[in-house]
Amino acid sequence: MLRSMRCCLNPKVIGGLIAAGVALWLMAPAASTAALPLLIALVCPLSMGVMMWQMNRGGGSCGASSGGRSAAAPSVDVDEELRQAREEVSIARARQQLGDRGNQAPA
């Protein structure tokens, strides 16, 4: 539970909102008590926005540990994987052609 909350609540957002709350309290102490619920309510949407921005950039750290390969950090070279796939397709085509020739009756 705590680990998932750490992924959802960005510490930079929380720190920024705390800094905004302290700055507001120093400038207008009466308004800071009214703004406190708003600052608390902004933690989740701002954290989600930061998380989406980080995932778009490819710097997400919470989703990368889910076990599968991450799209941001592939473990194999894409060109090498494409070359291997093309080689497998050409081998399969060659086997199919050899099989078709062996099934033809001599005329």
PDB file of N, CA and C in Angstrom:
ATOM      1  N   MET A   1       0.832  -1.199   0.000  1.00  0.00           N
ATOM      2  CA  MET A   1       0.000   0.000   0.000  1.00  0.00           C
ATOM      3  C   MET A   1       0.871   1.254   0.000  1.00  0.00           C
ATOM      4  N   LEU A   2       1.873   1.254   0.862  1.00  0.00           N
ATOM      5  CA  LEU A   2       2.729   2.420   0.965  1.00  0.00           C
ATOM      6  C   LEU A   2       3.544   2.606  -0.301  1.00  0.00           C
ATOM      7  N   ARG A   3       3.956   1.492  -0.933  1.00  0.00           N
ATOM      8  CA  ARG A   3       4.743   1.593  -2.158  1.00  0.00           C
ATOM      9  C   ARG A   3       3.913   2.197  -3.287  1.00  0.00           C
ATOM     10  N   SER A   4       2.651   1.797  -3.403  1.00  0.00           N
ATOM     11  CA  SER A   4       1.809   2.364  -4.453  1.00  0.00           C
ATOM     12  C   SER A   4       1.516   3.834  -4.196  1.00  0.00           C
ATOM     13  N   MET A   5       1.402   4.224  -2.960  1.00  0.00           N
ATOM     14  CA  MET A   5       1.192   5.636  -2.647  1.00  0.00           C
ATOM     15  C   MET A   5       2.432   6.453  -3.006  1.00  0.00           C
ATOM     16  N   ARG A   6       3.611   5.847  -2.862  1.00  0.00           N
ATOM     17  CA  ARG A   6       4.843   6.549  -3.199  1.00  0.00           C
ATOM     18  C   ARG A   6       4.903   6.811  -4.700  1.00  0.00           C
ATOM     19  N   CYS A   7       4.358   5.886  -5.503  1.00  0.00           N
ATOM     20  CA  CYS A   7       4.339   6.086  -6.948  1.00  0.00           C
ATOM     21  C   CYS A   7       3.320   7.141  -7.350  1.00  0.00           C
ATOM     22  N   CYS A   8       2.208   7.200  -6.655  1.00  0.00           N
ATOM     23  CA  CYS A   8       1.135   8.112  -7.031  1.00  0.00           C
ATOM     24  C   CYS A   8       1.362   9.528  -6.513  1.00  0.00           C
ATOM     25  N   LEU A   9       1.963   9.661  -5.370  1.00  0.00           N
ATOM     26  CA  LEU A   9       2.184  10.985  -4.792  1.00  0.00           C
ATOM     27  C   LEU A   9       3.635  11.367  -5.014  1.00  0.00           C
ATOM     28  N   ASN A  10       3.845  12.293  -5.912  1.00  0.00           N
ATOM     29  CA  ASN A  10       5.187  12.722  -6.277  1.00  0.00           C
ATOM     30  C   ASN A  10       5.763  13.600  -5.169  1.00  0.00           C
ATOM     31  N   PRO A  11       6.943  13.257  -4.655  1.00  0.00           N
ATOM     32  CA  PRO A  11       7.532  14.063  -3.575  1.00  0.00           C
ATOM     33  C   PRO A  11       7.838  15.498  -3.992  1.00  0.00           C
ATOM     34  N   LYS A  12       8.152  15.710  -5.268  1.00  0.00           N
ATOM     35  CA  LYS A  12       8.421  17.078  -5.730  1.00  0.00           C
ATOM     36  C   LYS A  12       7.160  17.928  -5.682  1.00  0.00           C
ATOM     37  N   VAL A  13       6.026  17.324  -6.031  1.00  0.00           N
ATOM     38  CA  VAL A  13       4.754  18.051  -5.976  1.00  0.00           C
ATOM     39  C   VAL A  13       4.404  18.365  -4.532  1.00  0.00           C
ATOM     40  N   ILE A  14       4.571  17.385  -3.655  1.00  0.00           N
ATOM     41  CA  ILE A  14       4.258  17.604  -2.239  1.00  0.00           C
ATOM     42  C   ILE A  14       5.161  18.707  -1.670  1.00  0.00           C
ATOM     43  N   GLY A  15       6.443  18.642  -2.006  1.00  0.00           N
ATOM     44  CA  GLY A  15       7.372  19.678  -1.536  1.00  0.00           C
ATOM     45  C   GLY A  15       7.016  21.052  -2.074  1.00  0.00           C
ATOM     46  N   GLY A  16       6.614  21.103  -3.341  1.00  0.00           N
ATOM     47  CA  GLY A  16       6.222  22.376  -3.933  1.00  0.00           C
ATOM     48  C   GLY A  16       4.984  22.956  -3.284  1.00  0.00           C
ATOM     49  N   LEU A  17       4.011  22.087  -3.005  1.00  0.00           N
ATOM     50  CA  LEU A  17       2.794  22.572  -2.350  1.00  0.00           C
ATOM     51  C   LEU A  17       3.069  22.996  -0.911  1.00  0.00           C
ATOM     52  N   ILE A  18       3.979  22.302  -0.230  1.00  0.00           N
ATOM     53  CA  ILE A  18       4.349  22.725   1.127  1.00  0.00           C
ATOM     54  C   ILE A  18       5.037  24.089   1.072  1.00  0.00           C
ATOM     55  N   ALA A  19       5.922  24.260   0.091  1.00  0.00           N
ATOM     56  CA  ALA A  19       6.593  25.558  -0.062  1.00  0.00           C
ATOM     57  C   ALA A  19       5.585  26.655  -0.385  1.00  0.00           C
ATOM     58  N   ALA A  20       4.598  26.340  -1.228  1.00  0.00           N
ATOM     59  CA  ALA A  20       3.568  27.333  -1.549  1.00  0.00           C
ATOM     60  C   ALA A  20       2.739  27.663  -0.311  1.00  0.00           C
ATOM     61  N   GLY A  21       2.438  26.647   0.491  1.00  0.00           N
ATOM     62  CA  GLY A  21       1.682  26.882   1.724  1.00  0.00           C
ATOM     63  C   GLY A  21       2.450  27.746   2.713  1.00  0.00           C
ATOM     64  N   VAL A  22       3.752  27.473   2.841  1.00  0.00           N
ATOM     65  CA  VAL A  22       4.578  28.273   3.759  1.00  0.00           C
ATOM     66  C   VAL A  22       4.692  29.708   3.255  1.00  0.00           C
ATOM     67  N   ALA A  23       4.893  29.869   1.943  1.00  0.00           N
ATOM     68  CA  ALA A  23       4.984  31.220   1.383  1.00  0.00           C
ATOM     69  C   ALA A  23       3.669  31.967   1.568  1.00  0.00           C
ATOM     70  N   LEU A  24       2.567  31.278   1.364  1.00  0.00           N
ATOM     71  CA  LEU A  24       1.260  31.908   1.559  1.00  0.00           C
ATOM     72  C   LEU A  24       1.053  32.269   3.024  1.00  0.00           C
ATOM     73  N   TRP A  25       1.491  31.409   3.927  1.00  0.00           N
ATOM     74  CA  TRP A  25       1.341  31.670   5.349  1.00  0.00           C
ATOM     75  C   TRP A  25       2.193  32.872   5.771  1.00  0.00           C
ATOM     76  N   LEU A  26       3.378  33.014   5.165  1.00  0.00           N
ATOM     77  CA  LEU A  26       4.225  34.165   5.504  1.00  0.00           C
ATOM     78  C   LEU A  26       3.661  35.470   4.960  1.00  0.00           C
ATOM     79  N   MET A  27       3.041  35.405   3.767  1.00  0.00           N
ATOM     80  CA  MET A  27       2.513  36.630   3.149  1.00  0.00           C
ATOM     81  C   MET A  27       1.136  37.006   3.672  1.00  0.00           C
ATOM     82  N   ALA A  28       0.276  36.032   3.819  1.00  0.00           N
ATOM     83  CA  ALA A  28      -1.100  36.300   4.268  1.00  0.00           C
ATOM     84  C   ALA A  28      -1.547  35.174   5.191  1.00  0.00           C
ATOM     85  N   PRO A  29      -1.252  35.292   6.479  1.00  0.00           N
ATOM     86  CA  PRO A  29      -1.591  34.210   7.410  1.00  0.00           C
ATOM     87  C   PRO A  29      -3.086  33.885   7.466  1.00  0.00           C
ATOM     88  N   ALA A  30      -3.950  34.861   7.291  1.00  0.00           N
ATOM     89  CA  ALA A  30      -5.387  34.601   7.355  1.00  0.00           C
ATOM     90  C   ALA A  30      -5.849  33.794   6.151  1.00  0.00           C
ATOM     91  N   ALA A  31      -5.273  34.049   4.999  1.00  0.00           N
ATOM     92  CA  ALA A  31      -5.678  33.337   3.785  1.00  0.00           C
ATOM     93  C   ALA A  31      -5.108  31.922   3.737  1.00  0.00           C
ATOM     94  N   SER A  32      -4.034  31.664   4.468  1.00  0.00           N
ATOM     95  CA  SER A  32      -3.400  30.347   4.408  1.00  0.00           C
ATOM     96  C   SER A  32      -4.292  29.273   5.002  1.00  0.00           C
ATOM     97  N   THR A  33      -5.071  29.601   6.031  1.00  0.00           N
ATOM     98  CA  THR A  33      -5.956  28.594   6.610  1.00  0.00           C
ATOM     99  C   THR A  33      -7.089  28.249   5.656  1.00  0.00           C
ATOM    100  N   ALA A  34      -7.519  29.213   4.855  1.00  0.00           N
ATOM    101  CA  ALA A  34      -8.570  28.940   3.874  1.00  0.00           C
ATOM    102  C   ALA A  34      -8.022  28.175   2.682  1.00  0.00           C
ATOM    103  N   ALA A  35      -6.753  28.374   2.361  1.00  0.00           N
ATOM    104  CA  ALA A  35      -6.153  27.729   1.194  1.00  0.00           C
ATOM    105  C   ALA A  35      -5.615  26.338   1.498  1.00  0.00           C
ATOM    106  N   LEU A  36      -5.498  25.969   2.760  1.00  0.00           N
ATOM    107  CA  LEU A  36      -4.939  24.669   3.124  1.00  0.00           C
ATOM    108  C   LEU A  36      -5.720  23.493   2.532  1.00  0.00           C
ATOM    109  N   PRO A  37      -7.061  23.472   2.604  1.00  0.00           N
ATOM    110  CA  PRO A  37      -7.783  22.348   1.975  1.00  0.00           C
ATOM    111  C   PRO A  37      -7.577  22.291   0.464  1.00  0.00           C
ATOM    112  N   LEU A  38      -7.468  23.444  -0.177  1.00  0.00           N
ATOM    113  CA  LEU A  38      -7.217  23.477  -1.615  1.00  0.00           C
ATOM    114  C   LEU A  38      -5.849  22.895  -1.945  1.00  0.00           C
ATOM    115  N   LEU A  39      -4.835  23.246  -1.173  1.00  0.00           N
ATOM    116  CA  LEU A  39      -3.494  22.711  -1.401  1.00  0.00           C
ATOM    117  C   LEU A  39      -3.467  21.193  -1.205  1.00  0.00           C
ATOM    118  N   ILE A  40      -4.170  20.703  -0.207  1.00  0.00           N
ATOM    119  CA  ILE A  40      -4.232  19.256   0.029  1.00  0.00           C
ATOM    120  C   ILE A  40      -4.963  18.564  -1.121  1.00  0.00           C
ATOM    121  N   ALA A  41      -6.026  19.189  -1.619  1.00  0.00           N
ATOM    122  CA  ALA A  41      -6.785  18.591  -2.721  1.00  0.00           C
ATOM    123  C   ALA A  41      -5.997  18.602  -4.025  1.00  0.00           C
ATOM    124  N   LEU A  42      -5.052  19.506  -4.185  1.00  0.00           N
ATOM    125  CA  LEU A  42      -4.258  19.588  -5.413  1.00  0.00           C
ATOM    126  C   LEU A  42      -3.135  18.560  -5.480  1.00  0.00           C
ATOM    127  N   VAL A  43      -2.825  17.884  -4.384  1.00  0.00           N
ATOM    128  CA  VAL A  43      -1.719  16.929  -4.378  1.00  0.00           C
ATOM    129  C   VAL A  43      -1.945  15.830  -5.408  1.00  0.00           C
ATOM    130  N   CYS A  44      -3.111  15.227  -5.432  1.00  0.00           N
ATOM    131  CA  CYS A  44      -3.373  14.098  -6.327  1.00  0.00           C
ATOM    132  C   CYS A  44      -3.369  14.508  -7.811  1.00  0.00           C
ATOM    133  N   PRO A  45      -4.155  15.508  -8.215  1.00  0.00           N
ATOM    134  CA  PRO A  45      -4.149  15.837  -9.644  1.00  0.00           C
ATOM    135  C   PRO A  45      -2.792  16.323 -10.158  1.00  0.00           C
ATOM    136  N   LEU A  46      -2.094  17.100  -9.348  1.00  0.00           N
ATOM    137  CA  LEU A  46      -0.777  17.561  -9.783  1.00  0.00           C
ATOM    138  C   LEU A  46       0.219  16.405  -9.855  1.00  0.00           C
ATOM    139  N   SER A  47       0.136  15.475  -8.916  1.00  0.00           N
ATOM    140  CA  SER A  47       1.023  14.310  -8.955  1.00  0.00           C
ATOM    141  C   SER A  47       0.744  13.465 -10.191  1.00  0.00           C
ATOM    142  N   MET A  48      -0.519  13.295 -10.535  1.00  0.00           N
ATOM    143  CA  MET A  48      -0.861  12.533 -11.739  1.00  0.00           C
ATOM    144  C   MET A  48      -0.352  13.242 -12.994  1.00  0.00           C
ATOM    145  N   GLY A  49      -0.467  14.550 -13.024  1.00  0.00           N
ATOM    146  CA  GLY A  49       0.042  15.301 -14.169  1.00  0.00           C
ATOM    147  C   GLY A  49       1.545  15.160 -14.312  1.00  0.00           C
ATOM    148  N   VAL A  50       2.265  15.236 -13.202  1.00  0.00           N
ATOM    149  CA  VAL A  50       3.723  15.062 -13.231  1.00  0.00           C
ATOM    150  C   VAL A  50       4.070  13.643 -13.655  1.00  0.00           C
ATOM    151  N   MET A  51       3.316  12.653 -13.164  1.00  0.00           N
ATOM    152  CA  MET A  51       3.571  11.264 -13.532  1.00  0.00           C
ATOM    153  C   MET A  51       3.358  11.054 -15.033  1.00  0.00           C
ATOM    154  N   MET A  52       2.295  11.619 -15.599  1.00  0.00           N
ATOM    155  CA  MET A  52       2.058  11.484 -17.040  1.00  0.00           C
ATOM    156  C   MET A  52       3.160  12.172 -17.836  1.00  0.00           C
ATOM    157  N   TRP A  53       3.607  13.321 -17.369  1.00  0.00           N
ATOM    158  CA  TRP A  53       4.674  14.033 -18.054  1.00  0.00           C
ATOM    159  C   TRP A  53       5.975  13.226 -18.029  1.00  0.00           C
ATOM    160  N   GLN A  54       6.282  12.605 -16.879  1.00  0.00           N
ATOM    161  CA  GLN A  54       7.490  11.802 -16.760  1.00  0.00           C
ATOM    162  C   GLN A  54       7.403  10.557 -17.634  1.00  0.00           C
ATOM    163  N   MET A  55       6.237   9.928 -17.701  1.00  0.00           N
ATOM    164  CA  MET A  55       6.075   8.736 -18.528  1.00  0.00           C
ATOM    165  C   MET A  55       6.187   9.086 -20.006  1.00  0.00           C
ATOM    166  N   ASN A  56       5.700  10.248 -20.388  1.00  0.00           N
ATOM    167  CA  ASN A  56       5.806  10.694 -21.773  1.00  0.00           C
ATOM    168  C   ASN A  56       7.264  10.936 -22.149  1.00  0.00           C
ATOM    169  N   ARG A  57       8.047  11.443 -21.211  1.00  0.00           N
ATOM    170  CA  ARG A  57       9.465  11.661 -21.436  1.00  0.00           C
ATOM    171  C   ARG A  57      10.261  10.378 -21.357  1.00  0.00           C
ATOM    172  N   GLY A  58       9.709   9.348 -20.737  1.00  0.00           N
ATOM    173  CA  GLY A  58      10.432   8.090 -20.591  1.00  0.00           C
ATOM    174  C   GLY A  58      11.224   8.001 -19.311  1.00  0.00           C
ATOM    175  N   GLY A  59      10.890   8.799 -18.327  1.00  0.00           N
ATOM    176  CA  GLY A  59      11.636   8.778 -17.077  1.00  0.00           C
ATOM    177  C   GLY A  59      10.848   8.219 -15.921  1.00  0.00           C
ATOM    178  N   GLY A  60       9.779   7.467 -16.180  1.00  0.00           N
ATOM    179  CA  GLY A  60       8.976   6.902 -15.105  1.00  0.00           C
ATOM    180  C   GLY A  60       9.734   5.829 -14.368  1.00  0.00           C
ATOM    181  N   SER A  61       9.795   5.896 -13.049  1.00  0.00           N
ATOM    182  CA  SER A  61      10.534   4.911 -12.289  1.00  0.00           C
ATOM    183  C   SER A  61       9.624   3.922 -11.595  1.00  0.00           C
ATOM    184  N   CYS A  62       8.366   4.246 -11.381  1.00  0.00           N
ATOM    185  CA  CYS A  62       7.487   3.333 -10.671  1.00  0.00           C
ATOM    186  C   CYS A  62       6.988   2.213 -11.567  1.00  0.00           C
ATOM    187  N   GLY A  63       6.657   2.504 -12.795  1.00  0.00           N
ATOM    188  CA  GLY A  63       6.138   1.480 -13.683  1.00  0.00           C
ATOM    189  C   GLY A  63       7.221   0.596 -14.267  1.00  0.00           C
ATOM    190  N   ALA A  64       8.462   1.001 -14.216  1.00  0.00           N
ATOM    191  CA  ALA A  64       9.544   0.231 -14.824  1.00  0.00           C
ATOM    192  C   ALA A  64       9.852  -1.023 -14.044  1.00  0.00           C
ATOM    193  N   SER A  65       9.468  -1.101 -12.773  1.00  0.00           N
ATOM    194  CA  SER A  65       9.782  -2.269 -11.971  1.00  0.00           C
ATOM    195  C   SER A  65       8.655  -3.283 -11.970  1.00  0.00           C
ATOM    196  N   SER A  66       7.764  -3.233 -12.951  1.00  0.00           N
ATOM    197  CA  SER A  66       6.623  -4.136 -12.963  1.00  0.00           C
ATOM    198  C   SER A  66       6.963  -5.512 -13.504  1.00  0.00           C
ATOM    199  N   GLY A  67       8.177  -5.740 -13.960  1.00  0.00           N
ATOM    200  CA  GLY A  67       8.577  -7.067 -14.391  1.00  0.00           C
ATOM    201  C   GLY A  67       8.786  -7.181 -15.882  1.00  0.00           C
ATOM    202  N   GLY A  68       7.968  -6.539 -16.675  1.00  0.00           N
ATOM    203  CA  GLY A  68       8.094  -6.617 -18.126  1.00  0.00           C
ATOM    204  C   GLY A  68       9.094  -5.611 -18.639  1.00  0.00           C
ATOM    205  N   ARG A  69       9.367  -5.726 -19.953  1.00  0.00           N
ATOM    206  CA  ARG A  69      10.276  -4.744 -20.537  1.00  0.00           C
ATOM    207  C   ARG A  69       9.568  -3.413 -20.665  1.00  0.00           C
ATOM    208  N   SER A  70      10.266  -2.367 -20.358  1.00  0.00           N
ATOM    209  CA  SER A  70       9.711  -1.031 -20.448  1.00  0.00           C
ATOM    210  C   SER A  70       9.914  -0.499 -21.856  1.00  0.00           C
ATOM    211  N   ALA A  71       8.943   0.251 -22.349  1.00  0.00           N
ATOM    212  CA  ALA A  71       9.074   0.847 -23.675  1.00  0.00           C
ATOM    213  C   ALA A  71      10.137   1.936 -23.671  1.00  0.00           C
ATOM    214  N   ALA A  72      10.390   2.525 -22.516  1.00  0.00           N
ATOM    215  CA  ALA A  72      11.370   3.594 -22.442  1.00  0.00           C
ATOM    216  C   ALA A  72      12.797   3.057 -22.467  1.00  0.00           C
ATOM    217  N   ALA A  73      13.030   1.845 -21.961  1.00  0.00           N
ATOM    218  CA  ALA A  73      14.375   1.298 -21.894  1.00  0.00           C
ATOM    219  C   ALA A  73      14.380  -0.141 -22.398  1.00  0.00           C
ATOM    220  N   PRO A  74      14.371  -0.341 -23.713  1.00  0.00           N
ATOM    221  CA  PRO A  74      14.386  -1.706 -24.217  1.00  0.00           C
ATOM    222  C   PRO A  74      15.714  -2.376 -23.904  1.00  0.00           C
ATOM    223  N   SER A  75      15.657  -3.682 -23.612  1.00  0.00           N
ATOM    224  CA  SER A  75      16.879  -4.381 -23.242  1.00  0.00           C
ATOM    225  C   SER A  75      17.623  -4.905 -24.463  1.00  0.00           C
ATOM    226  N   VAL A  76      16.998  -4.940 -25.641  1.00  0.00           N
ATOM    227  CA  VAL A  76      17.674  -5.369 -26.856  1.00  0.00           C
ATOM    228  C   VAL A  76      17.591  -4.264 -27.897  1.00  0.00           C
ATOM    229  N   ASP A  77      18.490  -4.329 -28.841  1.00  0.00           N
ATOM    230  CA  ASP A  77      18.511  -3.346 -29.909  1.00  0.00           C
ATOM    231  C   ASP A  77      17.351  -3.624 -30.864  1.00  0.00           C
ATOM    232  N   VAL A  78      16.597  -2.615 -31.200  1.00  0.00           N
ATOM    233  CA  VAL A  78      15.430  -2.772 -32.061  1.00  0.00           C
ATOM    234  C   VAL A  78      15.845  -3.208 -33.456  1.00  0.00           C
ATOM    235  N   ASP A  79      16.935  -2.668 -33.963  1.00  0.00           N
ATOM    236  CA  ASP A  79      17.406  -3.059 -35.296  1.00  0.00           C
ATOM    237  C   ASP A  79      17.799  -4.532 -35.336  1.00  0.00           C
ATOM    238  N   GLU A  80      18.457  -4.992 -34.285  1.00  0.00           N
ATOM    239  CA  GLU A  80      18.846  -6.400 -34.218  1.00  0.00           C
ATOM    240  C   GLU A  80      17.618  -7.307 -34.145  1.00  0.00           C
ATOM    241  N   GLU A  81      16.636  -6.902 -33.357  1.00  0.00           N
ATOM    242  CA  GLU A  81      15.403  -7.688 -33.245  1.00  0.00           C
ATOM    243  C   GLU A  81      14.663  -7.732 -34.584  1.00  0.00           C
ATOM    244  N   LEU A  82      14.636  -6.626 -35.288  1.00  0.00           N
ATOM    245  CA  LEU A  82      13.991  -6.579 -36.607  1.00  0.00           C
ATOM    246  C   LEU A  82      14.728  -7.466 -37.603  1.00  0.00           C
ATOM    247  N   ARG A  83      16.057  -7.450 -37.561  1.00  0.00           N
ATOM    248  CA  ARG A  83      16.846  -8.296 -38.452  1.00  0.00           C
ATOM    249  C   ARG A  83      16.580  -9.774 -38.183  1.00  0.00           C
ATOM    250  N   GLN A  84      16.493 -10.151 -36.918  1.00  0.00           N
ATOM    251  CA  GLN A  84      16.214 -11.545 -36.564  1.00  0.00           C
ATOM    252  C   GLN A  84      14.818 -11.958 -37.018  1.00  0.00           C
ATOM    253  N   ALA A  85      13.850 -11.067 -36.870  1.00  0.00           N
ATOM    254  CA  ALA A  85      12.486 -11.379 -37.302  1.00  0.00           C
ATOM    255  C   ALA A  85      12.429 -11.573 -38.814  1.00  0.00           C
ATOM    256  N   ARG A  86      13.120 -10.722 -39.549  1.00  0.00           N
ATOM    257  CA  ARG A  86      13.148 -10.868 -41.018  1.00  0.00           C
ATOM    258  C   ARG A  86      13.824 -12.175 -41.422  1.00  0.00           C
ATOM    259  N   GLU A  87      14.872 -12.545 -40.716  1.00  0.00           N
ATOM    260  CA  GLU A  87      15.570 -13.803 -41.004  1.00  0.00           C
ATOM    261  C   GLU A  87      14.658 -15.001 -40.746  1.00  0.00           C
ATOM    262  N   GLU A  88      13.898 -14.957 -39.662  1.00  0.00           N
ATOM    263  CA  GLU A  88      12.962 -16.042 -39.352  1.00  0.00           C
ATOM    264  C   GLU A  88      11.876 -16.147 -40.419  1.00  0.00           C
ATOM    265  N   VAL A  89      11.394 -15.009 -40.900  1.00  0.00           N
ATOM    266  CA  VAL A  89      10.365 -15.017 -41.944  1.00  0.00           C
ATOM    267  C   VAL A  89      10.919 -15.606 -43.229  1.00  0.00           C
ATOM    268  N   SER A  90      12.146 -15.252 -43.585  1.00  0.00           N
ATOM    269  CA  SER A  90      12.724 -15.788 -44.820  1.00  0.00           C
ATOM    270  C   SER A  90      12.969 -17.296 -44.698  1.00  0.00           C
ATOM    271  N   ILE A  91      13.373 -17.765 -43.535  1.00  0.00           N
ATOM    272  CA  ILE A  91      13.548 -19.208 -43.324  1.00  0.00           C
ATOM    273  C   ILE A  91      12.214 -19.927 -43.431  1.00  0.00           C
ATOM    274  N   ALA A  92      11.162 -19.367 -42.851  1.00  0.00           N
ATOM    275  CA  ALA A  92       9.837 -19.989 -42.925  1.00  0.00           C
ATOM    276  C   ALA A  92       9.339 -20.033 -44.367  1.00  0.00           C
ATOM    277  N   ARG A  93       9.583 -18.978 -45.133  1.00  0.00           N
ATOM    278  CA  ARG A  93       9.176 -18.969 -46.550  1.00  0.00           C
ATOM    279  C   ARG A  93       9.943 -20.026 -47.342  1.00  0.00           C
ATOM    280  N   ALA A  94      11.232 -20.150 -47.064  1.00  0.00           N
ATOM    281  CA  ALA A  94      12.036 -21.142 -47.773  1.00  0.00           C
ATOM    282  C   ALA A  94      11.546 -22.556 -47.449  1.00  0.00           C
ATOM    283  N   ARG A  95      11.223 -22.822 -46.182  1.00  0.00           N
ATOM    284  CA  ARG A  95      10.697 -24.146 -45.808  1.00  0.00           C
ATOM    285  C   ARG A  95       9.361 -24.407 -46.488  1.00  0.00           C
ATOM    286  N   GLN A  96       8.530 -23.382 -46.576  1.00  0.00           N
ATOM    287  CA  GLN A  96       7.231 -23.540 -47.216  1.00  0.00           C
ATOM    288  C   GLN A  96       7.413 -23.833 -48.705  1.00  0.00           C
ATOM    289  N   GLN A  97       8.323 -23.146 -49.355  1.00  0.00           N
ATOM    290  CA  GLN A  97       8.568 -23.391 -50.782  1.00  0.00           C
ATOM    291  C   GLN A  97       9.121 -24.796 -51.003  1.00  0.00           C
ATOM    292  N   LEU A  98      10.018 -25.239 -50.129  1.00  0.00           N
ATOM    293  CA  LEU A  98      10.552 -26.599 -50.255  1.00  0.00           C
ATOM    294  C   LEU A  98       9.454 -27.637 -50.042  1.00  0.00           C
ATOM    295  N   GLY A  99       8.567 -27.364 -49.103  1.00  0.00           N
ATOM    296  CA  GLY A  99       7.448 -28.278 -48.863  1.00  0.00           C
ATOM    297  C   GLY A  99       6.491 -28.333 -50.047  1.00  0.00           C
ATOM    298  N   ASP A 100       6.243 -27.162 -50.667  1.00  0.00           N
ATOM    299  CA  ASP A 100       5.362 -27.113 -51.834  1.00  0.00           C
ATOM    300  C   ASP A 100       5.978 -27.886 -52.997  1.00  0.00           C
ATOM    301  N   ARG A 101       7.289 -27.799 -53.184  1.00  0.00           N
ATOM    302  CA  ARG A 101       7.961 -28.506 -54.281  1.00  0.00           C
ATOM    303  C   ARG A 101       7.942 -29.999 -54.043  1.00  0.00           C
ATOM    304  N   GLY A 102       8.070 -30.414 -52.780  1.00  0.00           N
ATOM    305  CA  GLY A 102       8.060 -31.844 -52.485  1.00  0.00           C
ATOM    306  C   GLY A 102       6.705 -32.467 -52.640  1.00  0.00           C
ATOM    307  N   ASN A 103       5.629 -31.683 -52.527  1.00  0.00           N
ATOM    308  CA  ASN A 103       4.261 -32.203 -52.649  1.00  0.00           C
ATOM    309  C   ASN A 103       3.795 -32.272 -54.082  1.00  0.00           C
ATOM    310  N   GLN A 104       4.521 -31.637 -55.010  1.00  0.00           N
ATOM    311  CA  GLN A 104       4.107 -31.650 -56.411  1.00  0.00           C
ATOM    312  C   GLN A 104       4.408 -33.020 -57.026  1.00  0.00           C
ATOM    313  N   ALA A 105       3.457 -33.568 -57.749  1.00  0.00           N
ATOM    314  CA  ALA A 105       3.663 -34.879 -58.413  1.00  0.00           C
ATOM    315  C   ALA A 105       4.455 -34.666 -59.681  1.00  0.00           C
ATOM    316  N   PRO A 106       5.416 -35.575 -59.969  1.00  0.00           N
ATOM    317  CA  PRO A 106       6.193 -35.440 -61.205  1.00  0.00           C
ATOM    318  C   PRO A 106       5.288 -35.673 -62.410  1.00  0.00           C
ATOM    319  N   ALA A 107       5.479 -34.876 -63.436  1.00  0.00           N
ATOM    320  CA  ALA A 107       4.616 -34.973 -64.611  1.00  0.00           C
ATOM    321  C   ALA A 107       5.166 -35.912 -65.633  1.00  0.00           C
TER     322      ALA A 107
END
